[in-house]
Each structure stands twice: as structure tokens, then as C-alpha cells.
Amino acid sequence: MDTMEFKLERQTFCAGQTVLDTSVEQSVEKDFVLPDYCADIFRILKCEVDTRVMSQTINGGKLTFELGVSARVLYCSEGDSKVNCIVQKMNYTKSLDLTDNCPSPSVFITSRCDYVNCRVISPRRLDIRGAVTSRVRVVCEKKQSIITGASGCSIQLKKQLLTYPAKRLTADKRVTVIEQLELAPDKPPVTQVIRTDCFIEPAEQKMIAGKLVTKGDAHLTMLYTCVDSSGEDTISAMKFTVPFSQIIDVDGIDESFEASVRITPSSCEIMPAADSQTSLECELVMLVSCEAVRYETADVVTDAYSTCYECDLKTADGSLESVPIAIEQNKVVTAAVKCPDENIQCVYDSWASVDNTGVRIDDEQNAFVISGNVKFSLLAKTENGTPVFLETQEPFEHTVALPEQFDTAASCICEPSVCVKGCEYRITQPDSADVTAELVIRADISSSAAKQLLSDITVKTDSPKKRDDGCAVKLCYCSEQDDIWDIAKKYSTSVTAIMEENELDTGSTAHSGMLLIPLMN
């Protein structure tokens, strides 16, 4: 009987554990009087509410984030076709309780406007009522010990070669980019900026000792009122590209880590420079979040028993996530926008946004289906010179094939994000136009099979297994493809002994029949 001292070999894997997944509602209420420099209100074209996360911090078991809400009202005065704009900005601070210990937290916050109503109280007074919802998810590091080896007490081990997350690092940074922009030579000077938008296109990233260098381009769109060469009030659009490069301090990071960077525009302000008609001053604020994971590969124990003693096994909580595969694909969504009362003379600009994004598994295709809704907006002028705001919605679905590294979509996790890269329009009929949005669909796909990994083995040396001293070999009837491990565990013998006795080459039976089971002394 093997009486050698029992020893265990362990490793630690760092899994991500979701500690908070909730929605936070915030009512939006604003009753205000127009400043003296604004024209009177006669007809509202559109009231839009834009929501952005301005900052986020975790301190003392509490998540605090600041939500910036901008209500933008486009309107016309009586007897005037000029488009005016008034913006009201509101900031809200929300706090949520977390567990006391939340190491290496990753915070995911997305916000959207549920509804907004704008009521004209008087030509100088507006009342805005609405609501926004923020989806908040916090993932923290959870360390778990797993067994990679054991010796003594006639222990038998079943192992599987697995790749597991061994270390996890996170970092966040609020980045402000100030840039001077120039209007194109054929563009008239800016009277008032009525809309800005930003699309972030990440570029290369590089890891050096303790730092992550990330680069990219911020594609900015500006819609503004102006006076053309004939002296007529009109609206023009301008696009800019602002490159950026940022260094993020991440203690302990090096080239052995797999890094994922999320860059979210928080605010984008563009205004005319005070000393020039063609120069603009831009202030772009971005939230940069980094998650870096180092993966290691080892033979991990998934089952165990002793041929001499009874054993108690304890399994590890959680599942192992593989190295994620980053997917980036484009999707084109088209819809028709119709002007109900008049023909369209010209379109000033079009834009789009995405909401209600979700993902489901298509079992037949063994793939993921990412779906959502695209909201199209169009600012145009009719044949009689009246500005109109037109909008429509179009659902979309996009199928993402499962990467060849994985077997089934059901055992994988897909975390998608969808943003609008650009929106174009084309007048197809006198009273309608086709709008086309180019979507960028990004997703990290990783396997997350809940494997039975052992975190502890207790050998009961005071409970030896009962033996039939008069028997050295038993016969066992097996079926085709029976696992030799299960047979060996049942009879408290070793897999090697059964394979040698029966001249087997693999860990399973090739066909049904009788097996000789040599019993251990």
C-alpha cells in the first residue's frame, strides 16, 4: 500500500465575476427661459436628448458615476425659416453599492434616452420632461485555486490541458484632447453649432513595462448654421479627423498580456475661435478603459481517486474563459424617409444611432446573431423653404460566424458593441430620401465551458477501501467507447494497468466486450 505523504500542486486562475448588473433610471426635468440673445420660439422642429457617461469611480465598495444629459432643441421663429438651437446641459450623479472587496474592477455603463417631451409654455419659455436609463455592469477579479498535480496515497489523476487566465489587470483614464480645426475653404463661417458627433476608430496598441500605449482616430462631424455667399441663412456640415495617442499606466503589464481597450467619447464641444472666421476650437473628452489578462497553459486535474483510500473532492467555482477572439465587421442598414406634406428641396444632413442591441445563438448555423434598432434622422428643407426634421427606425440583424477555434456557440460568450461609423443620404423621390448607415460591429468571443476543476482533494487515510484478498483480476463487460478512466475508478485500479492488461492504445474501448480488470494490492 502506498503510504507516501500526500502532496498537492496548485495554480491560481483569475476569473471575471459579475458583481453588479442592473439598470438605473433618471428622470429629466428642465423648465427654463431662453437667454436674451435667442430668438422667440414659434415652431419646434425636434427636441433630442443625448446622454453620456462623464466619469466613473469605485471607492469604498461604492460605484459612483456622473451622467451628462444634453437636451438640444431645434426650432424656428414666426415668419422665419432660419433654424435656431438651444442646448440645456444637466449632470446627474448616481451611486451604487458593491461588495466590500472588488479587485481589478471593469465597469461597463451604457445609457439611452427612453423618451422626451418638449412643451412650449411661451415664446420665451420651454418645459422639457423625459427619462434616461443607464445599464450598469461591474466585473471584478475572483481568484480560485485549482489542482494541477498530486502524489502519494496511491492517488490517480485525470488531467486535461487547459488555457486559463492567470492574472488580470484593469485601468481607467479620462482623456481630454484639445485641437484647433480649420473649415474647408469652400465652407462659410460658423454662426452656431447645432450638432456634433464622434466616432472612435482604434488603431495599434503597444504594451511596455507598466504602460499601455493606445492610438486611434476620432472622426468628428459638425452641423452648423451659417450664411451663404448669397446672404441666405442655411445649414452646412463639416467632418474632421483628430488622431490621438495616449499612455495608460497599468502596473504589472508587459507583452505577455492580452489587452482589450474600450474608448468611449464622453463629450465633444466645437466652437468658433474668437479671432478667426475659419478656425474652430475642439475639446474632446474620452473615457479609456483597459483590461489586460495573462493566460497560461497547464495540465489541470478534472477528477481524482485513490486506489487505497476513500477521497473527498471539492470542485472550483466558476468557469475558465479562453483567450478572446476579437471580431470587427461592418453592416449596412438602409431605410426610406418620407416627407408627408411637401417635396424635399435639399437635405442638410443625416445621422443615425443604435439602441436595443442584443445577441442570441443560432443553433442551426452554430453562430451568433447580433440585433438592434437603427434610428435615422434627417434635417431638410422643403420646396417652400420650410425646414423639417424627419426620422424613421429600421431593425437589423447580423450573423457572426463562430471562430474556428471553438466548437459550439452554446459554450461561448459573445460581448458585442455596435456603433455608427457614418450615415449617407440620397434623394430618390421628390418627397423621400434613402438613408444608409454604416455600422461597425465589434465583439469579443471566448469559450466559457463550466469544467469540473478540482480545488481540493482530501484522502481519508483512516478509511481504507475494502479489498477482496482472494481476487487479483475481475471481468468487466463494457460497451463501445466506454471511458477507461470511469472503469478504473469504479474498480479502484489504475488506467495504465487496464490498458496494459488488455493491450489498449487509447483511453476508451474500441468495441463492446469483456475487459480484464487487474486489482491493486
Protein backbone atom coordinates (compact mmCIF):
# COMPACT_ATOMS: atom_id res chain seq x y z
CA MET A 1 0.00 0.00 0.00
CA ASP A 2 1.32 3.47 -0.93
CA THR A 3 1.85 5.33 2.35
CA MET A 4 3.95 8.15 0.90
CA GLU A 5 2.97 11.58 2.22
CA PHE A 6 0.14 13.06 0.21
CA LYS A 7 1.04 16.31 -1.58
CA LEU A 8 -0.93 18.67 -3.84
CA GLU A 9 0.30 21.01 -6.54
CA ARG A 10 -1.81 24.12 -7.12
CA GLN A 11 -2.19 27.02 -9.51
CA THR A 12 -4.41 30.10 -9.30
CA PHE A 13 -6.68 31.32 -12.07
CA CYS A 14 -8.26 34.77 -12.09
CA ALA A 15 -11.78 34.71 -13.43
CA GLY A 16 -14.03 37.69 -14.01
CA GLN A 17 -17.05 37.68 -11.69
CA THR A 18 -20.05 39.89 -12.35
CA VAL A 19 -20.87 41.55 -9.03
CA LEU A 20 -23.40 44.09 -10.33
CA ASP A 21 -25.74 44.01 -13.30
CA THR A 22 -28.60 46.46 -13.05
CA SER A 23 -30.40 49.38 -14.67
CA VAL A 24 -30.63 52.87 -13.19
CA GLU A 25 -33.39 55.27 -14.20
CA GLN A 26 -33.08 59.03 -14.08
CA SER A 27 -35.89 61.50 -14.75
CA VAL A 28 -35.03 64.60 -16.78
CA GLU A 29 -36.92 67.77 -15.92
CA LYS A 30 -35.99 71.25 -17.08
CA ASP A 31 -38.13 74.38 -17.14
CA PHE A 32 -36.16 77.33 -18.48
CA VAL A 33 -36.39 80.74 -20.12
CA LEU A 34 -34.46 81.46 -23.31
CA PRO A 35 -31.47 83.80 -22.99
CA ASP A 36 -31.88 87.29 -24.42
CA TYR A 37 -29.72 86.50 -27.46
CA CYS A 38 -32.05 83.67 -28.60
CA ALA A 39 -34.95 84.26 -30.99
CA ASP A 40 -38.53 83.60 -29.92
CA ILE A 41 -40.00 80.12 -30.33
CA PHE A 42 -42.79 79.62 -32.82
CA ARG A 43 -42.36 76.03 -34.08
CA ILE A 44 -40.24 73.23 -32.64
CA LEU A 45 -38.55 71.02 -35.20
CA LYS A 46 -37.09 68.50 -32.79
CA CYS A 47 -36.03 68.01 -29.19
CA GLU A 48 -33.23 65.46 -28.83
CA VAL A 49 -31.66 64.19 -25.62
CA ASP A 50 -28.09 62.89 -25.71
CA THR A 51 -26.66 61.00 -22.73
CA ARG A 52 -23.00 60.38 -21.95
CA VAL A 53 -21.06 58.96 -19.02
CA MET A 54 -18.78 61.77 -17.87
CA SER A 55 -16.80 59.92 -15.20
CA GLN A 56 -16.82 56.77 -13.07
CA THR A 57 -15.03 55.81 -9.88
CA ILE A 58 -15.10 52.95 -7.37
CA ASN A 59 -14.24 53.81 -3.80
CA GLY A 60 -15.06 52.10 -0.52
CA GLY A 61 -17.37 49.48 -2.02
CA LYS A 62 -19.39 52.06 -3.91
CA LEU A 63 -19.58 52.84 -7.63
CA THR A 64 -20.20 56.49 -8.44
CA PHE A 65 -20.71 57.75 -11.95
CA GLU A 66 -21.65 61.10 -13.42
CA LEU A 67 -24.20 61.15 -16.21
CA GLY A 68 -24.22 64.09 -18.60
CA VAL A 69 -27.55 64.82 -20.30
CA SER A 70 -27.84 67.37 -23.11
CA ALA A 71 -31.27 68.48 -24.31
CA ARG A 72 -30.96 70.05 -27.77
CA VAL A 73 -33.98 71.90 -29.18
CA LEU A 74 -34.15 72.90 -32.84
CA TYR A 75 -36.83 75.49 -33.57
CA CYS A 76 -37.97 78.29 -35.88
CA SER A 77 -39.31 81.75 -35.12
CA GLU A 78 -42.55 83.13 -36.57
CA GLY A 79 -42.21 84.13 -40.20
CA ASP A 80 -38.58 82.96 -40.35
CA SER A 81 -37.14 79.77 -41.87
CA LYS A 82 -33.83 80.04 -40.02
CA VAL A 83 -33.08 77.06 -37.77
CA ASN A 84 -32.26 78.06 -34.21
CA CYS A 85 -30.80 75.86 -31.49
CA ILE A 86 -30.84 75.99 -27.73
CA VAL A 87 -28.96 73.47 -25.57
CA GLN A 88 -29.54 72.72 -21.92
CA LYS A 89 -26.98 70.58 -20.10
CA MET A 90 -27.72 68.65 -16.93
CA ASN A 91 -25.42 66.47 -14.84
CA TYR A 92 -26.60 63.72 -12.51
CA THR A 93 -24.54 61.73 -10.02
CA LYS A 94 -25.57 58.15 -9.30
CA SER A 95 -24.15 55.78 -6.68
CA LEU A 96 -24.49 52.02 -6.38
CA ASP A 97 -23.28 49.67 -3.65
CA LEU A 98 -20.82 46.91 -4.49
CA THR A 99 -19.25 44.14 -2.46
CA ASP A 100 -16.65 45.32 0.03
CA ASN A 101 -13.81 43.74 -1.91
CA CYS A 102 -13.81 44.30 -5.65
CA PRO A 103 -10.26 43.88 -7.01
CA SER A 104 -9.40 44.90 -10.58
CA PRO A 105 -12.91 46.14 -11.44
CA SER A 106 -14.13 46.59 -15.00
CA VAL A 107 -17.09 48.96 -15.31
CA PHE A 108 -19.46 48.88 -18.29
CA ILE A 109 -22.05 51.69 -18.44
CA THR A 110 -24.31 52.45 -21.39
CA SER A 111 -27.09 55.00 -21.29
CA ARG A 112 -30.01 55.81 -23.54
CA CYS A 113 -32.97 58.17 -23.64
CA ASP A 114 -36.27 56.39 -23.01
CA TYR A 115 -38.47 59.33 -24.02
CA VAL A 116 -38.54 63.12 -24.10
CA ASN A 117 -41.38 65.63 -24.32
CA CYS A 118 -40.86 69.32 -25.04
CA ARG A 119 -43.66 71.80 -24.39
CA VAL A 120 -43.70 75.49 -25.32
CA ILE A 121 -45.01 77.48 -22.35
CA SER A 122 -44.47 80.81 -24.07
CA PRO A 123 -42.31 82.15 -26.92
CA ARG A 124 -39.50 82.52 -24.37
CA ARG A 125 -40.07 79.52 -22.14
CA LEU A 126 -39.74 75.76 -22.58
CA ASP A 127 -40.59 72.79 -20.40
CA ILE A 128 -38.68 69.54 -21.04
CA ARG A 129 -39.64 66.24 -19.43
CA GLY A 130 -38.08 62.86 -20.11
CA ALA A 131 -36.23 59.88 -18.72
CA VAL A 132 -32.92 58.14 -19.35
CA THR A 133 -31.81 54.65 -18.34
CA SER A 134 -28.26 53.54 -17.64
CA ARG A 135 -27.29 49.87 -17.84
CA VAL A 136 -24.51 49.21 -15.32
CA ARG A 137 -22.38 46.10 -15.13
CA VAL A 138 -19.34 45.65 -12.91
CA VAL A 139 -16.96 42.70 -13.27
CA CYS A 140 -14.38 42.07 -10.55
CA GLU A 141 -11.48 39.68 -10.26
CA LYS A 142 -12.11 36.39 -8.49
CA LYS A 143 -9.10 34.24 -7.68
CA GLN A 144 -9.61 30.50 -7.47
CA SER A 145 -7.13 27.78 -6.60
CA ILE A 146 -7.07 24.71 -8.86
CA ILE A 147 -5.08 21.49 -8.64
CA THR A 148 -2.52 20.68 -11.31
CA GLY A 149 -0.86 17.69 -9.65
CA ALA A 150 -0.82 15.32 -6.65
CA SER A 151 1.33 12.49 -5.32
CA GLY A 152 1.20 9.90 -2.55
CA CYS A 153 -1.53 7.65 -1.14
CA SER A 154 -1.91 5.82 -4.47
CA ILE A 155 -3.68 8.85 -5.96
CA GLN A 156 -4.89 8.61 -9.56
CA LEU A 157 -5.40 11.79 -11.56
CA LYS A 158 -7.40 12.67 -14.65
CA LYS A 159 -5.93 15.70 -16.35
CA GLN A 160 -6.81 17.99 -19.21
CA LEU A 161 -4.57 20.54 -20.92
CA LEU A 162 -6.30 23.91 -20.48
CA THR A 163 -5.51 27.56 -21.05
CA TYR A 164 -6.63 29.69 -18.13
CA PRO A 165 -6.41 33.35 -17.05
CA ALA A 166 -3.56 33.57 -14.55
CA LYS A 167 -3.53 37.32 -13.91
CA ARG A 168 -5.93 40.17 -14.60
CA LEU A 169 -5.22 43.92 -14.61
CA THR A 170 -7.54 46.88 -15.20
CA ALA A 171 -7.06 50.62 -15.55
CA ASP A 172 -9.20 53.64 -16.44
CA LYS A 173 -8.27 57.09 -17.67
CA ARG A 174 -10.21 60.21 -18.59
CA VAL A 175 -8.55 61.84 -21.59
CA THR A 176 -9.08 65.37 -22.85
CA VAL A 177 -7.90 66.27 -26.36
CA ILE A 178 -7.86 69.94 -27.35
CA GLU A 179 -7.41 70.59 -31.04
CA GLN A 180 -7.64 73.54 -33.38
CA LEU A 181 -9.64 72.76 -36.53
CA GLU A 182 -9.96 74.61 -39.81
CA LEU A 183 -13.01 74.94 -42.02
CA ALA A 184 -12.65 73.90 -45.64
CA PRO A 185 -12.01 76.85 -47.99
CA ASP A 186 -15.44 76.47 -49.62
CA LYS A 187 -17.30 76.42 -46.29
CA PRO A 188 -18.98 79.57 -44.92
CA PRO A 189 -18.11 80.75 -41.38
CA VAL A 190 -19.96 79.22 -38.43
CA THR A 191 -22.90 81.10 -36.96
CA GLN A 192 -23.96 78.44 -34.46
CA VAL A 193 -23.03 74.78 -33.95
CA ILE A 194 -26.26 72.79 -33.68
CA ARG A 195 -24.89 69.26 -33.52
CA THR A 196 -21.63 67.33 -33.04
CA ASP A 197 -20.90 63.63 -33.20
CA CYS A 198 -17.82 61.47 -32.68
CA PHE A 199 -16.82 58.01 -33.89
CA ILE A 200 -13.70 56.45 -32.38
CA GLU A 201 -11.59 54.24 -34.63
CA PRO A 202 -8.93 52.44 -32.56
CA ALA A 203 -5.54 51.82 -34.12
CA GLU A 204 -2.47 49.98 -32.88
CA GLN A 205 -1.67 49.46 -29.23
CA LYS A 206 1.60 48.52 -27.63
CA MET A 207 2.48 47.21 -24.18
CA ILE A 208 5.68 48.14 -22.43
CA ALA A 209 6.69 47.66 -18.81
CA GLY A 210 3.89 49.11 -16.69
CA LYS A 211 2.29 51.07 -19.52
CA LEU A 212 -0.12 50.61 -22.40
CA VAL A 213 0.18 52.87 -25.43
CA THR A 214 -3.02 53.15 -27.46
CA LYS A 215 -3.58 55.10 -30.65
CA GLY A 216 -6.56 55.89 -32.81
CA ASP A 217 -8.53 58.45 -34.78
CA ALA A 218 -11.53 60.44 -33.62
CA HIS A 219 -13.82 61.14 -36.59
CA LEU A 220 -15.83 64.27 -35.80
CA THR A 221 -18.95 65.56 -37.53
CA MET A 222 -20.22 69.10 -37.05
CA LEU A 223 -23.56 70.51 -38.24
CA TYR A 224 -23.83 74.28 -38.06
CA THR A 225 -25.90 77.24 -39.18
CA CYS A 226 -24.30 79.81 -41.43
CA VAL A 227 -24.94 82.47 -44.07
CA ASP A 228 -24.04 81.50 -47.64
CA SER A 229 -22.47 83.71 -50.27
CA SER A 230 -25.90 84.99 -51.36
CA GLY A 231 -26.73 86.15 -47.84
CA GLU A 232 -29.27 83.38 -47.18
CA ASP A 233 -29.45 81.53 -43.86
CA THR A 234 -28.56 77.88 -44.38
CA ILE A 235 -27.03 74.83 -42.71
CA SER A 236 -23.75 73.12 -43.55
CA ALA A 237 -21.89 70.04 -42.35
CA MET A 238 -18.18 69.51 -41.86
CA LYS A 239 -16.11 66.45 -40.97
CA PHE A 240 -12.73 66.29 -39.25
CA THR A 241 -10.30 63.58 -38.19
CA VAL A 242 -8.33 64.05 -35.00
CA PRO A 243 -5.58 61.47 -34.31
CA PHE A 244 -4.70 60.71 -30.71
CA SER A 245 -2.14 58.71 -28.76
CA GLN A 246 -2.39 58.00 -25.06
CA ILE A 247 -0.24 56.30 -22.44
CA ILE A 248 -2.17 54.43 -19.73
CA ASP A 249 -0.40 53.38 -16.55
CA VAL A 250 -1.14 49.71 -15.83
CA ASP A 251 1.02 48.35 -13.02
CA GLY A 252 2.48 44.97 -13.91
CA ILE A 253 1.56 44.87 -17.60
CA ASP A 254 4.01 43.61 -20.20
CA GLU A 255 3.95 41.90 -23.59
CA SER A 256 2.79 38.61 -22.08
CA PHE A 257 -0.71 40.05 -21.54
CA GLU A 258 -3.67 40.14 -23.90
CA ALA A 259 -5.09 43.67 -23.68
CA SER A 260 -8.56 44.94 -24.57
CA VAL A 261 -9.17 48.70 -24.74
CA ARG A 262 -12.56 50.44 -24.79
CA ILE A 263 -12.60 54.11 -25.81
CA THR A 264 -15.90 55.93 -25.30
CA PRO A 265 -16.49 59.56 -26.28
CA SER A 266 -17.77 61.45 -23.24
CA SER A 267 -18.24 64.91 -24.73
CA CYS A 268 -17.35 66.78 -27.90
CA GLU A 269 -17.51 70.57 -27.98
CA ILE A 270 -16.70 72.55 -31.14
CA MET A 271 -16.95 76.35 -31.20
CA PRO A 272 -15.69 79.15 -33.44
CA ALA A 273 -12.36 80.67 -32.46
CA ALA A 274 -12.62 84.21 -31.20
CA ASP A 275 -10.02 85.66 -33.55
CA SER A 276 -10.81 83.85 -36.82
CA GLN A 277 -13.76 83.09 -39.09
CA THR A 278 -12.26 79.83 -40.35
CA SER A 279 -10.72 78.41 -37.18
CA LEU A 280 -12.53 76.26 -34.64
CA GLU A 281 -11.64 75.11 -31.15
CA CYS A 282 -12.44 71.49 -30.29
CA GLU A 283 -12.45 69.86 -26.87
CA LEU A 284 -12.94 66.10 -26.99
CA VAL A 285 -13.24 64.07 -23.77
CA MET A 286 -12.88 60.29 -23.91
CA LEU A 287 -13.10 57.57 -21.28
CA VAL A 288 -10.43 54.91 -21.84
CA SER A 289 -10.82 51.55 -20.08
CA CYS A 290 -8.22 48.80 -20.31
CA GLU A 291 -8.46 45.16 -19.29
CA ALA A 292 -5.32 43.03 -19.60
CA VAL A 293 -5.18 39.29 -18.97
CA ARG A 294 -2.20 36.94 -18.98
CA TYR A 295 -3.10 33.40 -19.98
CA GLU A 296 -1.16 30.28 -19.08
CA THR A 297 -1.49 26.65 -20.16
CA ALA A 298 -1.23 23.68 -17.81
CA ASP A 299 -2.48 20.15 -17.21
CA VAL A 300 -5.37 20.71 -14.83
CA VAL A 301 -6.87 17.94 -12.68
CA THR A 302 -10.53 17.33 -13.50
CA ASP A 303 -11.07 14.14 -11.47
CA ALA A 304 -9.19 12.01 -8.93
CA TYR A 305 -9.42 8.95 -6.69
CA SER A 306 -7.14 6.78 -4.62
CA THR A 307 -6.83 3.04 -5.22
CA CYS A 308 -6.32 2.54 -1.46
CA TYR A 309 -8.39 5.13 0.40
CA GLU A 310 -11.69 6.91 0.20
CA CYS A 311 -11.44 10.51 -1.05
CA ASP A 312 -13.41 13.73 -0.83
CA LEU A 313 -13.23 16.04 -3.85
CA LYS A 314 -14.01 19.75 -3.88
CA THR A 315 -14.64 21.47 -7.20
CA ALA A 316 -13.69 25.02 -8.06
CA ASP A 317 -16.37 27.65 -8.53
CA GLY A 318 -16.62 29.46 -11.83
CA SER A 319 -15.56 28.62 -15.34
CA LEU A 320 -12.41 29.11 -17.34
CA GLU A 321 -12.54 31.64 -20.16
CA SER A 322 -10.23 31.15 -23.10
CA VAL A 323 -8.24 33.84 -24.87
CA PRO A 324 -10.91 36.03 -26.53
CA ILE A 325 -11.04 36.37 -30.29
CA ALA A 326 -11.73 39.96 -31.36
CA ILE A 327 -14.20 40.31 -34.23
CA GLU A 328 -14.82 43.52 -36.17
CA GLN A 329 -17.29 43.54 -39.06
CA ASN A 330 -19.33 46.13 -40.95
CA LYS A 331 -23.06 46.15 -41.54
CA VAL A 332 -25.00 48.44 -43.87
CA VAL A 333 -28.59 49.33 -42.93
CA THR A 334 -30.83 51.31 -45.30
CA ALA A 335 -34.24 52.90 -44.76
CA ALA A 336 -36.55 55.28 -46.61
CA VAL A 337 -37.52 58.61 -45.05
CA LYS A 338 -40.59 60.35 -46.42
CA CYS A 339 -41.74 63.93 -46.07
CA PRO A 340 -45.51 63.61 -45.57
CA ASP A 341 -46.74 67.03 -46.73
CA GLU A 342 -44.28 68.56 -49.22
CA ASN A 343 -41.47 67.76 -51.59
CA ILE A 344 -37.88 67.96 -50.45
CA GLN A 345 -35.76 70.74 -51.94
CA CYS A 346 -32.49 69.81 -50.22
CA VAL A 347 -31.12 67.77 -47.33
CA TYR A 348 -28.79 69.49 -44.88
CA ASP A 349 -27.53 66.35 -43.18
CA SER A 350 -28.44 62.87 -41.96
CA TRP A 351 -27.28 60.84 -39.00
CA ALA A 352 -28.11 57.62 -37.18
CA SER A 353 -27.91 56.00 -33.75
CA VAL A 354 -28.26 52.43 -32.46
CA ASP A 355 -30.21 51.14 -29.47
CA ASN A 356 -31.71 47.93 -28.07
CA THR A 357 -28.63 45.93 -29.02
CA GLY A 358 -28.78 42.24 -28.15
CA VAL A 359 -27.24 38.89 -29.04
CA ARG A 360 -28.65 35.39 -29.39
CA ILE A 361 -27.37 32.00 -30.52
CA ASP A 362 -28.41 30.48 -33.84
CA ASP A 363 -28.13 26.75 -33.15
CA GLU A 364 -28.67 25.75 -36.78
CA GLN A 365 -25.79 27.86 -38.07
CA ASN A 366 -23.74 27.50 -34.85
CA ALA A 367 -23.31 31.27 -34.86
CA PHE A 368 -24.22 34.44 -33.00
CA VAL A 369 -26.92 36.81 -34.21
CA ILE A 370 -26.47 40.43 -33.14
CA SER A 371 -29.60 42.54 -33.47
CA GLY A 372 -30.75 46.05 -32.70
CA ASN A 373 -32.55 49.07 -33.97
CA VAL A 374 -31.19 51.94 -36.08
CA LYS A 375 -32.81 55.34 -35.66
CA PHE A 376 -32.34 57.59 -38.70
CA SER A 377 -32.64 61.39 -38.56
CA LEU A 378 -32.78 63.81 -41.49
CA LEU A 379 -32.71 67.62 -41.43
CA ALA A 380 -34.02 69.00 -44.71
CA LYS A 381 -35.71 71.96 -46.40
CA THR A 382 -38.95 71.71 -48.38
CA GLU A 383 -39.71 73.38 -51.70
CA ASN A 384 -41.40 76.32 -49.97
CA GLY A 385 -38.28 76.95 -47.87
CA THR A 386 -39.54 75.41 -44.61
CA PRO A 387 -37.04 73.37 -42.56
CA VAL A 388 -38.28 69.93 -41.50
CA PHE A 389 -36.92 67.22 -39.24
CA LEU A 390 -37.66 63.69 -40.49
CA GLU A 391 -36.92 60.39 -38.79
CA THR A 392 -37.58 56.68 -39.05
CA GLN A 393 -36.40 53.43 -37.50
CA GLU A 394 -35.15 50.20 -39.01
CA PRO A 395 -34.34 46.92 -37.22
CA PHE A 396 -31.24 44.97 -38.17
CA GLU A 397 -29.70 41.55 -37.64
CA HIS A 398 -26.14 40.50 -38.31
CA THR A 399 -24.78 36.95 -38.12
CA VAL A 400 -21.28 36.44 -36.74
CA ALA A 401 -19.80 33.05 -37.58
CA LEU A 402 -18.19 31.15 -34.73
CA PRO A 403 -14.37 31.33 -34.94
CA GLU A 404 -12.82 28.02 -35.91
CA GLN A 405 -11.02 27.80 -32.56
CA PHE A 406 -14.33 26.99 -30.85
CA ASP A 407 -16.65 24.01 -31.15
CA THR A 408 -20.13 25.30 -30.29
CA ALA A 409 -21.63 28.74 -29.80
CA ALA A 410 -23.56 27.44 -26.80
CA SER A 411 -20.30 27.08 -24.85
CA CYS A 412 -19.06 30.56 -25.78
CA ILE A 413 -19.59 34.11 -24.60
CA CYS A 414 -20.13 36.92 -27.11
CA GLU A 415 -19.99 40.52 -25.88
CA PRO A 416 -20.92 42.83 -28.77
CA SER A 417 -20.86 46.58 -29.23
CA VAL A 418 -22.40 48.39 -32.20
CA CYS A 419 -21.68 51.96 -33.24
CA VAL A 420 -22.39 54.11 -36.30
CA LYS A 421 -19.37 54.96 -38.42
CA GLY A 422 -21.23 57.14 -40.91
CA CYS A 423 -24.58 57.95 -42.47
CA GLU A 424 -25.29 58.96 -46.06
CA TYR A 425 -28.46 60.07 -47.84
CA ARG A 426 -29.77 60.09 -51.39
CA ILE A 427 -32.96 61.79 -52.61
CA THR A 428 -34.86 59.12 -54.53
CA GLN A 429 -38.27 60.73 -54.95
CA PRO A 430 -39.46 64.35 -54.72
CA ASP A 431 -40.87 63.65 -51.26
CA SER A 432 -38.48 60.99 -49.93
CA ALA A 433 -34.85 60.04 -49.45
CA ASP A 434 -32.93 56.86 -48.76
CA VAL A 435 -30.59 56.95 -45.75
CA THR A 436 -27.82 54.44 -45.26
CA ALA A 437 -25.92 53.83 -42.03
CA GLU A 438 -22.62 52.02 -41.88
CA LEU A 439 -22.42 50.11 -38.62
CA VAL A 440 -19.24 48.82 -37.03
CA ILE A 441 -19.91 45.64 -35.05
CA ARG A 442 -17.22 44.64 -32.58
CA ALA A 443 -17.33 41.56 -30.37
CA ASP A 444 -15.03 39.56 -28.12
CA ILE A 445 -15.81 35.84 -28.36
CA SER A 446 -14.38 33.39 -25.85
CA SER A 447 -15.21 29.89 -24.68
CA SER A 448 -16.50 29.57 -21.15
CA ALA A 449 -17.20 25.91 -20.51
CA ALA A 450 -18.03 25.09 -16.92
CA LYS A 451 -15.48 22.32 -16.49
CA GLN A 452 -15.18 20.26 -13.30
CA LEU A 453 -11.91 21.56 -11.95
CA LEU A 454 -10.72 20.36 -8.56
CA SER A 455 -9.79 22.88 -5.90
CA ASP A 456 -9.05 20.36 -3.14
CA ILE A 457 -8.55 16.62 -2.59
CA THR A 458 -8.81 15.04 0.85
CA VAL A 459 -7.51 11.48 1.16
CA LYS A 460 -9.09 9.67 4.11
CA THR A 461 -6.16 7.57 5.28
CA ASP A 462 -8.29 6.33 8.17
CA SER A 463 -10.83 4.89 5.71
CA PRO A 464 -9.06 2.29 3.55
CA LYS A 465 -11.04 0.74 0.73
CA LYS A 466 -12.30 -2.81 1.23
CA ARG A 467 -10.40 -5.47 -0.70
CA ASP A 468 -11.22 -8.97 -1.92
CA ASP A 469 -7.91 -10.58 -0.94
CA GLY A 470 -8.71 -13.74 -2.81
CA CYS A 471 -9.16 -11.99 -6.17
CA ALA A 472 -6.41 -10.49 -8.36
CA VAL A 473 -8.42 -9.98 -11.59
CA LYS A 474 -12.04 -9.31 -12.40
CA LEU A 475 -14.02 -9.39 -15.63
CA CYS A 476 -16.00 -6.40 -16.76
CA TYR A 477 -18.37 -6.15 -19.69
CA CYS A 478 -18.02 -2.82 -21.47
CA SER A 479 -19.75 -1.07 -24.33
CA GLU A 480 -18.18 0.63 -27.32
CA GLN A 481 -16.31 3.86 -26.47
CA ASP A 482 -16.57 3.39 -22.69
CA ASP A 483 -14.10 5.60 -20.82
CA ILE A 484 -11.30 3.54 -19.26
CA TRP A 485 -10.99 6.16 -16.51
CA ASP A 486 -14.56 5.52 -15.32
CA ILE A 487 -13.93 1.76 -15.29
CA ALA A 488 -10.65 2.13 -13.40
CA LYS A 489 -12.27 4.44 -10.85
CA LYS A 490 -15.14 2.00 -10.31
CA TYR A 491 -12.77 -0.88 -9.51
CA SER A 492 -10.13 1.26 -7.69
CA THR A 493 -7.37 0.32 -10.04
CA SER A 494 -5.25 2.33 -12.46
CA VAL A 495 -5.93 3.25 -16.08
CA THR A 496 -2.41 2.14 -17.02
CA ALA A 497 -2.95 -1.34 -15.54
CA ILE A 498 -6.18 -1.88 -17.50
CA MET A 499 -4.67 -0.64 -20.77
CA GLU A 500 -1.59 -2.84 -20.40
CA GLU A 501 -3.58 -5.92 -19.42
CA ASN A 502 -5.95 -5.53 -22.39
CA GLU A 503 -3.40 -4.12 -24.87
CA LEU A 504 -5.39 -0.91 -25.40
CA ASP A 505 -3.92 2.08 -27.26
CA THR A 506 -6.46 4.74 -26.30
CA GLY A 507 -8.36 5.82 -23.22
CA SER A 508 -11.62 4.30 -24.43
CA THR A 509 -12.78 0.90 -25.60
CA ALA A 510 -12.86 0.32 -29.35
CA HIS A 511 -15.81 -2.13 -29.23
CA SER A 512 -18.07 -3.87 -26.75
CA GLY A 513 -16.85 -6.97 -24.95
CA MET A 514 -15.09 -8.26 -21.85
CA LEU A 515 -12.20 -6.46 -20.16
CA LEU A 516 -9.73 -7.90 -17.67
CA ILE A 517 -9.53 -5.65 -14.62
CA PRO A 518 -6.32 -6.17 -12.60
CA LEU A 519 -6.93 -5.21 -8.99
CA MET A 520 -4.40 -3.22 -6.99
CA ASN A 521 -2.85 -4.75 -3.86
